[in-house]
């Protein structure tokens, strides 16, 4: 019986050692992902409650599509999400945009009064946002509703007009489903892009990797 020869190490190098520093960054990113998901859930539920009070139309969350926080006169959250009409089996989900201020409820939960704007948007009514686009965060905004992201000065010919600017080196799934052997490229990329200094003074938070 033929036995396959071992693959040479230069063709299949061993996975890099997972240092304490890299492990801390990965752990911080996973925790950040959980926090972001919880923030998204709370924000969308508060937004849909307020939308129902304003319009009488009741929706339930289907899926969150993007989240961004920025700082102007105060901190604001922008989010896109899909929501289905309640008690309407078979209805397709509707695409929404919402803006909120920093949550003021117990345990930092969003209250209805924290919601600045919540509205459905269609492809023909999608506009930009200086605050989100300046950070290359892909959030769709309503073109016919006022928000605090700087719509009036948005110029898509000047902001975020290069596909290369939207390339992210650290896909979120590489952290959530991290495996040290399989994701060796992620480990090496963290080591190259976020090296720990010799004096070890940095905090992991100083090397935060933004969510895709």
Protein backbone atom coordinates (compact mmCIF):
# COMPACT_ATOMS: atom_id res chain seq x y z
CA UNK A 1 0.00 0.00 0.00
CA UNK A 2 1.28 3.42 -0.92
CA UNK A 3 1.77 5.79 1.97
CA UNK A 4 1.71 9.52 1.15
CA UNK A 5 4.88 11.39 1.95
CA UNK A 6 4.74 14.03 4.67
CA UNK A 7 4.20 17.57 3.43
CA UNK A 8 7.43 19.56 3.79
CA UNK A 9 7.33 22.17 6.55
CA UNK A 10 8.17 24.96 4.11
CA UNK A 11 4.98 24.14 2.19
CA UNK A 12 2.85 23.76 5.30
CA UNK A 13 4.42 25.90 8.04
CA UNK A 14 3.32 25.30 11.64
CA UNK A 15 0.74 27.75 13.04
CA UNK A 16 2.22 30.73 14.88
CA UNK A 17 2.33 30.67 18.65
CA UNK A 18 -0.64 32.44 20.18
CA UNK A 19 0.88 35.01 22.53
CA UNK A 20 -0.89 36.49 25.53
CA UNK A 21 -1.09 39.83 23.70
CA UNK A 22 -2.75 38.38 20.59
CA UNK A 23 -5.09 36.28 22.75
CA UNK A 24 -6.15 39.40 24.65
CA UNK A 25 -6.93 41.26 21.40
CA UNK A 26 -8.99 38.34 20.07
CA UNK A 27 -10.87 37.98 23.39
CA UNK A 28 -11.55 41.72 23.45
CA UNK A 29 -12.88 41.58 19.89
CA UNK A 30 -15.22 38.69 20.68
CA UNK A 31 -16.57 40.53 23.74
CA UNK A 32 -16.95 43.66 21.64
CA UNK A 33 -18.97 41.69 19.10
CA UNK A 34 -21.35 40.48 21.81
CA UNK A 35 -21.71 44.01 23.17
CA UNK A 36 -22.38 45.33 19.66
CA UNK A 37 -25.07 42.71 19.05
CA UNK A 38 -26.78 43.55 22.34
CA UNK A 39 -26.59 47.28 21.57
CA UNK A 40 -28.09 46.66 18.13
CA UNK A 41 -30.94 44.60 19.60
CA UNK A 42 -31.80 47.17 22.24
CA UNK A 43 -31.57 50.09 19.82
CA UNK A 44 -33.78 48.49 17.16
CA UNK A 45 -36.42 47.39 19.67
CA UNK A 46 -36.63 50.93 21.09
CA UNK A 47 -36.72 52.39 17.57
CA UNK A 48 -39.56 50.08 16.50
CA UNK A 49 -41.51 50.89 19.65
CA UNK A 50 -41.28 54.60 18.92
CA UNK A 51 -42.10 54.04 15.25
CA UNK A 52 -45.23 52.15 16.30
CA UNK A 53 -46.27 55.01 18.60
CA UNK A 54 -45.78 57.51 15.79
CA UNK A 55 -47.38 55.56 12.94
CA UNK A 56 -49.51 52.81 14.48
CA UNK A 57 -47.53 50.29 12.42
CA UNK A 58 -45.99 47.43 14.41
CA UNK A 59 -42.83 45.67 13.25
CA UNK A 60 -40.52 43.09 14.75
CA UNK A 61 -36.78 42.83 14.19
CA UNK A 62 -35.63 40.46 11.46
CA UNK A 63 -31.90 41.27 11.13
CA UNK A 64 -29.43 44.06 11.95
CA UNK A 65 -27.36 45.20 8.99
CA UNK A 66 -24.87 47.73 10.35
CA UNK A 67 -24.09 49.90 13.37
CA UNK A 68 -21.95 53.01 13.91
CA UNK A 69 -21.43 55.46 16.75
CA UNK A 70 -19.97 58.92 16.15
CA UNK A 71 -19.47 62.11 18.12
CA UNK A 72 -20.86 65.51 17.15
CA UNK A 73 -22.56 67.85 19.61
CA UNK A 74 -23.08 64.56 21.48
CA UNK A 75 -22.73 60.86 20.72
CA UNK A 76 -25.11 59.42 18.14
CA UNK A 77 -25.79 55.90 16.92
CA UNK A 78 -26.74 55.10 13.30
CA UNK A 79 -28.09 51.68 12.40
CA UNK A 80 -29.68 49.81 9.49
CA UNK A 81 -31.94 46.83 10.08
CA UNK A 82 -34.65 44.71 8.51
CA UNK A 83 -38.01 44.32 10.24
CA UNK A 84 -41.19 42.40 9.40
CA UNK A 85 -44.75 43.58 10.02
CA UNK A 86 -46.14 41.83 13.09
CA UNK A 87 -48.93 39.32 12.55
CA UNK A 88 -48.34 39.33 8.78
CA UNK A 89 -47.10 35.87 7.78
CA UNK A 90 -45.19 35.79 4.52
CA UNK A 91 -44.58 39.55 4.37
CA UNK A 92 -41.11 40.54 3.22
CA UNK A 93 -38.99 42.47 5.73
CA UNK A 94 -38.68 46.24 5.36
CA UNK A 95 -35.33 48.08 5.38
CA UNK A 96 -35.01 50.70 8.15
CA UNK A 97 -32.65 53.42 9.31
CA UNK A 98 -32.57 54.71 12.88
CA UNK A 99 -30.61 57.33 14.79
CA UNK A 100 -30.32 57.40 18.56
CA UNK A 101 -28.50 59.30 21.27
CA UNK A 102 -26.57 57.63 24.08
CA UNK A 103 -28.97 55.33 26.00
CA UNK A 104 -30.25 56.80 29.25
CA UNK A 105 -32.13 53.83 30.72
CA UNK A 106 -31.08 51.46 33.49
CA UNK A 107 -28.08 49.33 32.52
CA UNK A 108 -27.53 51.64 29.51
CA UNK A 109 -30.68 50.40 27.79
CA UNK A 110 -32.22 52.49 25.04
CA UNK A 111 -35.49 54.23 25.86
CA UNK A 112 -38.05 55.50 23.37
CA UNK A 113 -36.93 59.08 24.04
CA UNK A 114 -33.37 58.17 23.02
CA UNK A 115 -34.57 57.55 19.46
CA UNK A 116 -34.08 60.62 17.27
CA UNK A 117 -35.34 59.10 14.03
CA UNK A 118 -36.66 55.77 12.77
CA UNK A 119 -37.95 55.35 9.23
CA UNK A 120 -38.08 52.83 6.39
CA UNK A 121 -35.92 53.62 3.36
CA UNK A 122 -36.04 52.48 -0.26
CA UNK A 123 -33.24 52.42 -2.87
CA UNK A 124 -34.61 55.61 -4.42
CA UNK A 125 -34.48 57.46 -1.09
CA UNK A 126 -31.01 56.45 0.13
CA UNK A 127 -28.66 59.29 0.99
CA UNK A 128 -25.25 59.67 2.56
CA UNK A 129 -23.80 60.79 5.87
CA UNK A 130 -20.56 62.64 6.42
CA UNK A 131 -19.98 61.14 9.88
CA UNK A 132 -20.37 57.50 8.78
CA UNK A 133 -18.65 57.84 5.42
CA UNK A 134 -15.68 59.68 6.92
CA UNK A 135 -15.01 56.48 8.91
CA UNK A 136 -15.83 54.27 5.89
CA UNK A 137 -18.81 52.74 7.69
CA UNK A 138 -21.43 51.54 5.22
CA UNK A 139 -24.74 52.68 6.64
CA UNK A 140 -27.60 53.71 4.33
CA UNK A 141 -29.37 56.92 5.36
CA UNK A 142 -32.63 58.54 4.26
CA UNK A 143 -32.14 61.33 1.75
CA UNK A 144 -35.37 63.10 2.73
CA UNK A 145 -35.07 62.99 6.56
CA UNK A 146 -32.85 65.19 8.72
CA UNK A 147 -30.28 63.45 10.92
CA UNK A 148 -27.16 64.48 12.80
CA UNK A 149 -24.56 62.88 10.53
CA UNK A 150 -24.00 65.81 8.19
CA UNK A 151 -26.18 64.99 5.21
CA UNK A 152 -26.15 68.59 3.96
CA UNK A 153 -22.37 68.56 3.40
CA UNK A 154 -22.06 64.97 2.19
CA UNK A 155 -20.31 64.60 -1.17
CA UNK A 156 -19.95 61.06 -2.44
CA UNK A 157 -17.36 62.25 -4.98
CA UNK A 158 -15.03 63.21 -2.14
CA UNK A 159 -15.87 60.84 0.71
CA UNK A 160 -15.40 57.09 0.51
CA UNK A 161 -15.15 56.99 -3.28
CA UNK A 162 -12.42 54.35 -3.52
CA UNK A 163 -13.14 50.64 -3.22
CA UNK A 164 -9.68 50.15 -1.72
CA UNK A 165 -10.74 52.28 1.25
CA UNK A 166 -13.49 49.80 2.10
CA UNK A 167 -11.19 46.76 2.34
CA UNK A 168 -11.11 45.38 5.88
CA UNK A 169 -8.21 43.18 6.95
CA UNK A 170 -10.00 41.55 9.88
CA UNK A 171 -13.34 39.90 8.98
CA UNK A 172 -15.54 39.63 12.04
CA UNK A 173 -16.08 35.90 11.52
CA UNK A 174 -12.35 35.34 12.03
CA UNK A 175 -12.81 36.43 15.64
CA UNK A 176 -16.23 34.99 16.48
CA UNK A 177 -15.27 31.55 15.13
CA UNK A 178 -11.55 31.83 15.86
CA UNK A 179 -9.39 28.72 15.59
CA UNK A 180 -5.66 29.13 16.27
CA UNK A 181 -4.53 26.64 13.60
CA UNK A 182 -7.05 27.48 10.88
CA UNK A 183 -6.83 31.25 11.36
CA UNK A 184 -3.05 31.55 11.46
CA UNK A 185 -3.25 34.36 8.88
CA UNK A 186 -5.34 36.39 11.33
CA UNK A 187 -2.79 35.82 14.10
CA UNK A 188 0.07 36.96 11.85
CA UNK A 189 -1.91 40.00 10.68
CA UNK A 190 -2.59 41.05 14.29
CA UNK A 191 1.09 40.65 15.15
CA UNK A 192 2.10 42.77 12.15
CA UNK A 193 -0.51 45.50 12.51
CA UNK A 194 -0.87 45.66 16.29
CA UNK A 195 2.52 44.81 17.80
CA UNK A 196 2.99 45.18 21.52
CA UNK A 197 5.74 47.59 22.47
CA UNK A 198 8.74 46.41 24.39
CA UNK A 199 7.63 48.24 27.56
CA UNK A 200 4.17 46.66 27.37
CA UNK A 201 2.37 49.89 28.25
CA UNK A 202 -0.45 49.62 25.71
CA UNK A 203 -3.96 48.63 26.56
CA UNK A 204 -5.80 46.24 24.27
CA UNK A 205 -8.45 48.94 23.86
CA UNK A 206 -5.82 51.16 22.20
CA UNK A 207 -5.65 48.62 19.39
CA UNK A 208 -9.40 48.23 18.89
CA UNK A 209 -10.27 46.73 15.53
CA UNK A 210 -13.44 48.30 14.15
CA UNK A 211 -16.35 46.05 13.32
CA UNK A 212 -17.07 45.39 9.73
